[in-house]
Amino acid sequence: MAIIVNLDVMMAKRKMSLTELSERVGVSNVNLSILKQSKGKAIRFSTLEAICKVLDCQPGDILEYKCDDR
């Protein structure tokens, strides 16, 4: 996968649990867990915006592109 999700890294830097982030963002634990594990296929900009607001970060802190070398 070319898009890497660093949500767990940002949560660790902010010392925030998945449950706390879920409550503050208004997204279920399950959906955040799927995103955190890079198993999600999409994210709404409104959700990304809310996560960035709560974690005080930029979208690029959460999402990273890595080229697949074949």
PDB file of N, CA and C in Angstrom:
ATOM      1  N   MET A   1       0.843  -1.182   0.000  1.00  0.00           N
ATOM      2  CA  MET A   1       0.000   0.000   0.000  1.00  0.00           C
ATOM      3  C   MET A   1       0.886   1.243   0.000  1.00  0.00           C
ATOM      4  N   ALA A   2       0.554   2.191  -0.818  1.00  0.00           N
ATOM      5  CA  ALA A   2       1.368   3.389  -0.970  1.00  0.00           C
ATOM      6  C   ALA A   2       1.054   4.460   0.074  1.00  0.00           C
ATOM      7  N   ILE A   3      -0.143   4.432   0.650  1.00  0.00           N
ATOM      8  CA  ILE A   3      -0.502   5.416   1.670  1.00  0.00           C
ATOM      9  C   ILE A   3      -0.317   4.775   3.044  1.00  0.00           C
ATOM     10  N   ILE A   4       0.502   5.409   3.859  1.00  0.00           N
ATOM     11  CA  ILE A   4       0.775   4.931   5.219  1.00  0.00           C
ATOM     12  C   ILE A   4       0.008   5.817   6.191  1.00  0.00           C
ATOM     13  N   VAL A   5      -0.687   5.196   7.143  1.00  0.00           N
ATOM     14  CA  VAL A   5      -1.440   5.941   8.154  1.00  0.00           C
ATOM     15  C   VAL A   5      -0.635   5.929   9.448  1.00  0.00           C
ATOM     16  N   ASN A   6      -0.254   7.110   9.903  1.00  0.00           N
ATOM     17  CA  ASN A   6       0.554   7.261  11.118  1.00  0.00           C
ATOM     18  C   ASN A   6      -0.288   7.754  12.300  1.00  0.00           C
ATOM     19  N   LEU A   7      -1.545   7.369  12.333  1.00  0.00           N
ATOM     20  CA  LEU A   7      -2.425   7.817  13.412  1.00  0.00           C
ATOM     21  C   LEU A   7      -1.918   7.350  14.769  1.00  0.00           C
ATOM     22  N   ASP A   8      -1.450   6.126  14.846  1.00  0.00           N
ATOM     23  CA  ASP A   8      -0.949   5.601  16.119  1.00  0.00           C
ATOM     24  C   ASP A   8       0.252   6.389  16.624  1.00  0.00           C
ATOM     25  N   VAL A   9       1.093   6.856  15.701  1.00  0.00           N
ATOM     26  CA  VAL A   9       2.267   7.655  16.080  1.00  0.00           C
ATOM     27  C   VAL A   9       1.830   8.980  16.689  1.00  0.00           C
ATOM     28  N   MET A  10       0.871   9.649  16.034  1.00  0.00           N
ATOM     29  CA  MET A  10       0.394  10.939  16.544  1.00  0.00           C
ATOM     30  C   MET A  10      -0.336  10.764  17.874  1.00  0.00           C
ATOM     31  N   MET A  11      -1.089   9.687  18.002  1.00  0.00           N
ATOM     32  CA  MET A  11      -1.780   9.427  19.274  1.00  0.00           C
ATOM     33  C   MET A  11      -0.768   9.205  20.391  1.00  0.00           C
ATOM     34  N   ALA A  12       0.300   8.491  20.101  1.00  0.00           N
ATOM     35  CA  ALA A  12       1.341   8.245  21.109  1.00  0.00           C
ATOM     36  C   ALA A  12       2.032   9.552  21.494  1.00  0.00           C
ATOM     37  N   LYS A  13       2.318  10.398  20.497  1.00  0.00           N
ATOM     38  CA  LYS A  13       2.960  11.685  20.789  1.00  0.00           C
ATOM     39  C   LYS A  13       2.083  12.551  21.679  1.00  0.00           C
ATOM     40  N   ARG A  14       0.774  12.458  21.505  1.00  0.00           N
ATOM     41  CA  ARG A  14      -0.169  13.264  22.296  1.00  0.00           C
ATOM     42  C   ARG A  14      -0.650  12.524  23.543  1.00  0.00           C
ATOM     43  N   LYS A  15      -0.137  11.301  23.729  1.00  0.00           N
ATOM     44  CA  LYS A  15      -0.523  10.464  24.880  1.00  0.00           C
ATOM     45  C   LYS A  15      -2.040  10.342  24.980  1.00  0.00           C
ATOM     46  N   MET A  16      -2.665   9.988  23.853  1.00  0.00           N
ATOM     47  CA  MET A  16      -4.118   9.892  23.788  1.00  0.00           C
ATOM     48  C   MET A  16      -4.514   8.473  23.400  1.00  0.00           C
ATOM     49  N   SER A  17      -5.480   7.930  24.089  1.00  0.00           N
ATOM     50  CA  SER A  17      -5.963   6.588  23.789  1.00  0.00           C
ATOM     51  C   SER A  17      -6.953   6.639  22.625  1.00  0.00           C
ATOM     52  N   LEU A  18      -7.194   5.479  22.041  1.00  0.00           N
ATOM     53  CA  LEU A  18      -8.159   5.372  20.955  1.00  0.00           C
ATOM     54  C   LEU A  18      -9.553   5.752  21.446  1.00  0.00           C
ATOM     55  N   THR A  19      -9.883   5.359  22.661  1.00  0.00           N
ATOM     56  CA  THR A  19     -11.191   5.678  23.227  1.00  0.00           C
ATOM     57  C   THR A  19     -11.364   7.184  23.399  1.00  0.00           C
ATOM     58  N   GLU A  20     -10.356   7.852  23.918  1.00  0.00           N
ATOM     59  CA  GLU A  20     -10.441   9.303  24.102  1.00  0.00           C
ATOM     60  C   GLU A  20     -10.556  10.013  22.761  1.00  0.00           C
ATOM     61  N   LEU A  21      -9.733   9.600  21.790  1.00  0.00           N
ATOM     62  CA  LEU A  21      -9.800  10.210  20.463  1.00  0.00           C
ATOM     63  C   LEU A  21     -11.171   9.986  19.848  1.00  0.00           C
ATOM     64  N   SER A  22     -11.689   8.786  19.981  1.00  0.00           N
ATOM     65  CA  SER A  22     -13.003   8.455  19.449  1.00  0.00           C
ATOM     66  C   SER A  22     -14.086   9.358  20.020  1.00  0.00           C
ATOM     67  N   GLU A  23     -14.065   9.540  21.322  1.00  0.00           N
ATOM     68  CA  GLU A  23     -15.062  10.388  21.988  1.00  0.00           C
ATOM     69  C   GLU A  23     -14.933  11.840  21.543  1.00  0.00           C
ATOM     70  N   ARG A  24     -13.714  12.339  21.431  1.00  0.00           N
ATOM     71  CA  ARG A  24     -13.499  13.745  21.090  1.00  0.00           C
ATOM     72  C   ARG A  24     -13.760  14.040  19.618  1.00  0.00           C
ATOM     73  N   VAL A  25     -13.520  13.059  18.753  1.00  0.00           N
ATOM     74  CA  VAL A  25     -13.730  13.249  17.314  1.00  0.00           C
ATOM     75  C   VAL A  25     -15.177  12.951  16.919  1.00  0.00           C
ATOM     76  N   GLY A  26     -15.808  12.035  17.653  1.00  0.00           N
ATOM     77  CA  GLY A  26     -17.178  11.658  17.319  1.00  0.00           C
ATOM     78  C   GLY A  26     -17.241  10.556  16.275  1.00  0.00           C
ATOM     79  N   VAL A  27     -16.223   9.702  16.257  1.00  0.00           N
ATOM     80  CA  VAL A  27     -16.151   8.563  15.348  1.00  0.00           C
ATOM     81  C   VAL A  27     -15.991   7.318  16.212  1.00  0.00           C
ATOM     82  N   SER A  28     -16.596   6.222  15.790  1.00  0.00           N
ATOM     83  CA  SER A  28     -16.547   5.011  16.610  1.00  0.00           C
ATOM     84  C   SER A  28     -15.129   4.471  16.762  1.00  0.00           C
ATOM     85  N   ASN A  29     -14.922   3.750  17.866  1.00  0.00           N
ATOM     86  CA  ASN A  29     -13.637   3.089  18.114  1.00  0.00           C
ATOM     87  C   ASN A  29     -13.284   2.162  16.958  1.00  0.00           C
ATOM     88  N   VAL A  30     -14.281   1.446  16.463  1.00  0.00           N
ATOM     89  CA  VAL A  30     -14.061   0.478  15.385  1.00  0.00           C
ATOM     90  C   VAL A  30     -13.537   1.185  14.136  1.00  0.00           C
ATOM     91  N   ASN A  31     -14.176   2.284  13.746  1.00  0.00           N
ATOM     92  CA  ASN A  31     -13.747   2.997  12.542  1.00  0.00           C
ATOM     93  C   ASN A  31     -12.350   3.586  12.703  1.00  0.00           C
ATOM     94  N   LEU A  32     -12.053   4.134  13.877  1.00  0.00           N
ATOM     95  CA  LEU A  32     -10.705   4.664  14.104  1.00  0.00           C
ATOM     96  C   LEU A  32      -9.674   3.550  14.134  1.00  0.00           C
ATOM     97  N   SER A  33     -10.034   2.417  14.683  1.00  0.00           N
ATOM     98  CA  SER A  33      -9.123   1.277  14.725  1.00  0.00           C
ATOM     99  C   SER A  33      -8.808   0.788  13.317  1.00  0.00           C
ATOM    100  N   ILE A  34      -9.815   0.729  12.455  1.00  0.00           N
ATOM    101  CA  ILE A  34      -9.608   0.332  11.059  1.00  0.00           C
ATOM    102  C   ILE A  34      -8.665   1.312  10.377  1.00  0.00           C
ATOM    103  N   LEU A  35      -8.887   2.588  10.612  1.00  0.00           N
ATOM    104  CA  LEU A  35      -8.019   3.616  10.026  1.00  0.00           C
ATOM    105  C   LEU A  35      -6.596   3.485  10.572  1.00  0.00           C
ATOM    106  N   LYS A  36      -6.486   3.307  11.872  1.00  0.00           N
ATOM    107  CA  LYS A  36      -5.177   3.202  12.529  1.00  0.00           C
ATOM    108  C   LYS A  36      -4.362   2.031  11.998  1.00  0.00           C
ATOM    109  N   GLN A  37      -5.030   0.957  11.646  1.00  0.00           N
ATOM    110  CA  GLN A  37      -4.352  -0.246  11.148  1.00  0.00           C
ATOM    111  C   GLN A  37      -4.121  -0.201   9.637  1.00  0.00           C
ATOM    112  N   SER A  38      -4.404   0.937   9.020  1.00  0.00           N
ATOM    113  CA  SER A  38      -4.249   1.115   7.565  1.00  0.00           C
ATOM    114  C   SER A  38      -5.104   0.140   6.764  1.00  0.00           C
ATOM    115  N   LYS A  39      -6.243  -0.257   7.329  1.00  0.00           N
ATOM    116  CA  LYS A  39      -7.144  -1.176   6.633  1.00  0.00           C
ATOM    117  C   LYS A  39      -8.317  -0.449   5.991  1.00  0.00           C
ATOM    118  N   GLY A  40      -8.441   0.851   6.274  1.00  0.00           N
ATOM    119  CA  GLY A  40      -9.524   1.631   5.685  1.00  0.00           C
ATOM    120  C   GLY A  40      -9.235   1.935   4.228  1.00  0.00           C
ATOM    121  N   LYS A  41     -10.291   2.117   3.458  1.00  0.00           N
ATOM    122  CA  LYS A  41     -10.141   2.431   2.034  1.00  0.00           C
ATOM    123  C   LYS A  41     -10.366   3.900   1.756  1.00  0.00           C
ATOM    124  N   ALA A  42     -10.918   4.630   2.712  1.00  0.00           N
ATOM    125  CA  ALA A  42     -11.208   6.048   2.508  1.00  0.00           C
ATOM    126  C   ALA A  42     -11.348   6.734   3.866  1.00  0.00           C
ATOM    127  N   ILE A  43     -11.224   8.050   3.846  1.00  0.00           N
ATOM    128  CA  ILE A  43     -11.477   8.857   5.035  1.00  0.00           C
ATOM    129  C   ILE A  43     -12.148  10.143   4.570  1.00  0.00           C
ATOM    130  N   ARG A  44     -13.169  10.540   5.267  1.00  0.00           N
ATOM    131  CA  ARG A  44     -13.847  11.795   4.942  1.00  0.00           C
ATOM    132  C   ARG A  44     -12.981  12.955   5.396  1.00  0.00           C
ATOM    133  N   PHE A  45     -13.008  14.025   4.600  1.00  0.00           N
ATOM    134  CA  PHE A  45     -12.242  15.209   4.980  1.00  0.00           C
ATOM    135  C   PHE A  45     -12.723  15.751   6.324  1.00  0.00           C
ATOM    136  N   SER A  46     -14.004  15.654   6.601  1.00  0.00           N
ATOM    137  CA  SER A  46     -14.516  16.148   7.884  1.00  0.00           C
ATOM    138  C   SER A  46     -13.944  15.342   9.046  1.00  0.00           C
ATOM    139  N   THR A  47     -13.773  14.042   8.857  1.00  0.00           N
ATOM    140  CA  THR A  47     -13.171  13.192   9.889  1.00  0.00           C
ATOM    141  C   THR A  47     -11.693  13.516  10.043  1.00  0.00           C
ATOM    142  N   LEU A  48     -10.990  13.662   8.929  1.00  0.00           N
ATOM    143  CA  LEU A  48      -9.578  14.016   8.971  1.00  0.00           C
ATOM    144  C   LEU A  48      -9.380  15.365   9.653  1.00  0.00           C
ATOM    145  N   GLU A  49     -10.256  16.313   9.333  1.00  0.00           N
ATOM    146  CA  GLU A  49     -10.179  17.635   9.952  1.00  0.00           C
ATOM    147  C   GLU A  49     -10.383  17.540  11.464  1.00  0.00           C
ATOM    148  N   ALA A  50     -11.358  16.757  11.885  1.00  0.00           N
ATOM    149  CA  ALA A  50     -11.636  16.607  13.320  1.00  0.00           C
ATOM    150  C   ALA A  50     -10.466  15.940  14.042  1.00  0.00           C
ATOM    151  N   ILE A  51      -9.879  14.919  13.421  1.00  0.00           N
ATOM    152  CA  ILE A  51      -8.718  14.244  14.023  1.00  0.00           C
ATOM    153  C   ILE A  51      -7.558  15.221  14.161  1.00  0.00           C
ATOM    154  N   CYS A  52      -7.307  15.989  13.103  1.00  0.00           N
ATOM    155  CA  CYS A  52      -6.209  16.967  13.146  1.00  0.00           C
ATOM    156  C   CYS A  52      -6.448  18.022  14.220  1.00  0.00           C
ATOM    157  N   LYS A  53      -7.695  18.450  14.370  1.00  0.00           N
ATOM    158  CA  LYS A  53      -8.021  19.457  15.384  1.00  0.00           C
ATOM    159  C   LYS A  53      -7.753  18.907  16.788  1.00  0.00           C
ATOM    160  N   VAL A  54      -8.225  17.693  17.034  1.00  0.00           N
ATOM    161  CA  VAL A  54      -8.065  17.089  18.367  1.00  0.00           C
ATOM    162  C   VAL A  54      -6.595  16.791  18.664  1.00  0.00           C
ATOM    163  N   LEU A  55      -5.860  16.297  17.672  1.00  0.00           N
ATOM    164  CA  LEU A  55      -4.452  15.941  17.879  1.00  0.00           C
ATOM    165  C   LEU A  55      -3.504  17.119  17.652  1.00  0.00           C
ATOM    166  N   ASP A  56      -4.056  18.261  17.253  1.00  0.00           N
ATOM    167  CA  ASP A  56      -3.260  19.464  16.980  1.00  0.00           C
ATOM    168  C   ASP A  56      -2.117  19.138  16.017  1.00  0.00           C
ATOM    169  N   CYS A  57      -2.510  18.655  14.827  1.00  0.00           N
ATOM    170  CA  CYS A  57      -1.515  18.276  13.826  1.00  0.00           C
ATOM    171  C   CYS A  57      -2.026  18.600  12.428  1.00  0.00           C
ATOM    172  N   GLN A  58      -1.212  18.323  11.442  1.00  0.00           N
ATOM    173  CA  GLN A  58      -1.558  18.534  10.045  1.00  0.00           C
ATOM    174  C   GLN A  58      -1.910  17.181   9.407  1.00  0.00           C
ATOM    175  N   PRO A  59      -2.696  17.179   8.318  1.00  0.00           N
ATOM    176  CA  PRO A  59      -3.016  15.916   7.640  1.00  0.00           C
ATOM    177  C   PRO A  59      -1.757  15.118   7.259  1.00  0.00           C
ATOM    178  N   GLY A  60      -0.704  15.816   6.881  1.00  0.00           N
ATOM    179  CA  GLY A  60       0.547  15.151   6.525  1.00  0.00           C
ATOM    180  C   GLY A  60       1.231  14.459   7.689  1.00  0.00           C
ATOM    181  N   ASP A  61       0.851  14.806   8.910  1.00  0.00           N
ATOM    182  CA  ASP A  61       1.387  14.119  10.084  1.00  0.00           C
ATOM    183  C   ASP A  61       0.729  12.744  10.243  1.00  0.00           C
ATOM    184  N   ILE A  62      -0.461  12.601   9.680  1.00  0.00           N
ATOM    185  CA  ILE A  62      -1.236  11.367   9.811  1.00  0.00           C
ATOM    186  C   ILE A  62      -1.101  10.487   8.570  1.00  0.00           C
ATOM    187  N   LEU A  63      -1.115  11.104   7.400  1.00  0.00           N
ATOM    188  CA  LEU A  63      -1.060  10.361   6.138  1.00  0.00           C
ATOM    189  C   LEU A  63       0.274  10.598   5.447  1.00  0.00           C
ATOM    190  N   GLU A  64       0.853   9.525   4.950  1.00  0.00           N
ATOM    191  CA  GLU A  64       2.160   9.597   4.290  1.00  0.00           C
ATOM    192  C   GLU A  64       2.111   8.765   3.015  1.00  0.00           C
ATOM    193  N   TYR A  65       2.729   9.261   1.960  1.00  0.00           N
ATOM    194  CA  TYR A  65       2.795   8.516   0.701  1.00  0.00           C
ATOM    195  C   TYR A  65       4.171   7.887   0.543  1.00  0.00           C
ATOM    196  N   LYS A  66       4.195   6.610   0.245  1.00  0.00           N
ATOM    197  CA  LYS A  66       5.444   5.904  -0.055  1.00  0.00           C
ATOM    198  C   LYS A  66       5.267   5.197  -1.388  1.00  0.00           C
ATOM    199  N   CYS A  67       6.194   5.419  -2.265  1.00  0.00           N
ATOM    200  CA  CYS A  67       6.147   4.832  -3.599  1.00  0.00           C
ATOM    201  C   CYS A  67       6.380   3.321  -3.507  1.00  0.00           C
ATOM    202  N   ASP A  68       5.530   2.568  -4.189  1.00  0.00           N
ATOM    203  CA  ASP A  68       5.709   1.113  -4.262  1.00  0.00           C
ATOM    204  C   ASP A  68       6.740   0.819  -5.349  1.00  0.00           C
ATOM    205  N   ASP A  69       7.923   0.396  -4.955  1.00  0.00           N
ATOM    206  CA  ASP A  69       8.939   0.016  -5.937  1.00  0.00           C
ATOM    207  C   ASP A  69       8.772  -1.455  -6.283  1.00  0.00           C
ATOM    208  N   ARG A  70       8.589  -1.689  -7.559  1.00  0.00           N
ATOM    209  CA  ARG A  70       8.388  -3.089  -7.987  1.00  0.00           C
ATOM    210  C   ARG A  70       9.510  -3.518  -8.853  1.00  0.00           C
TER     211      ARG A  70
END
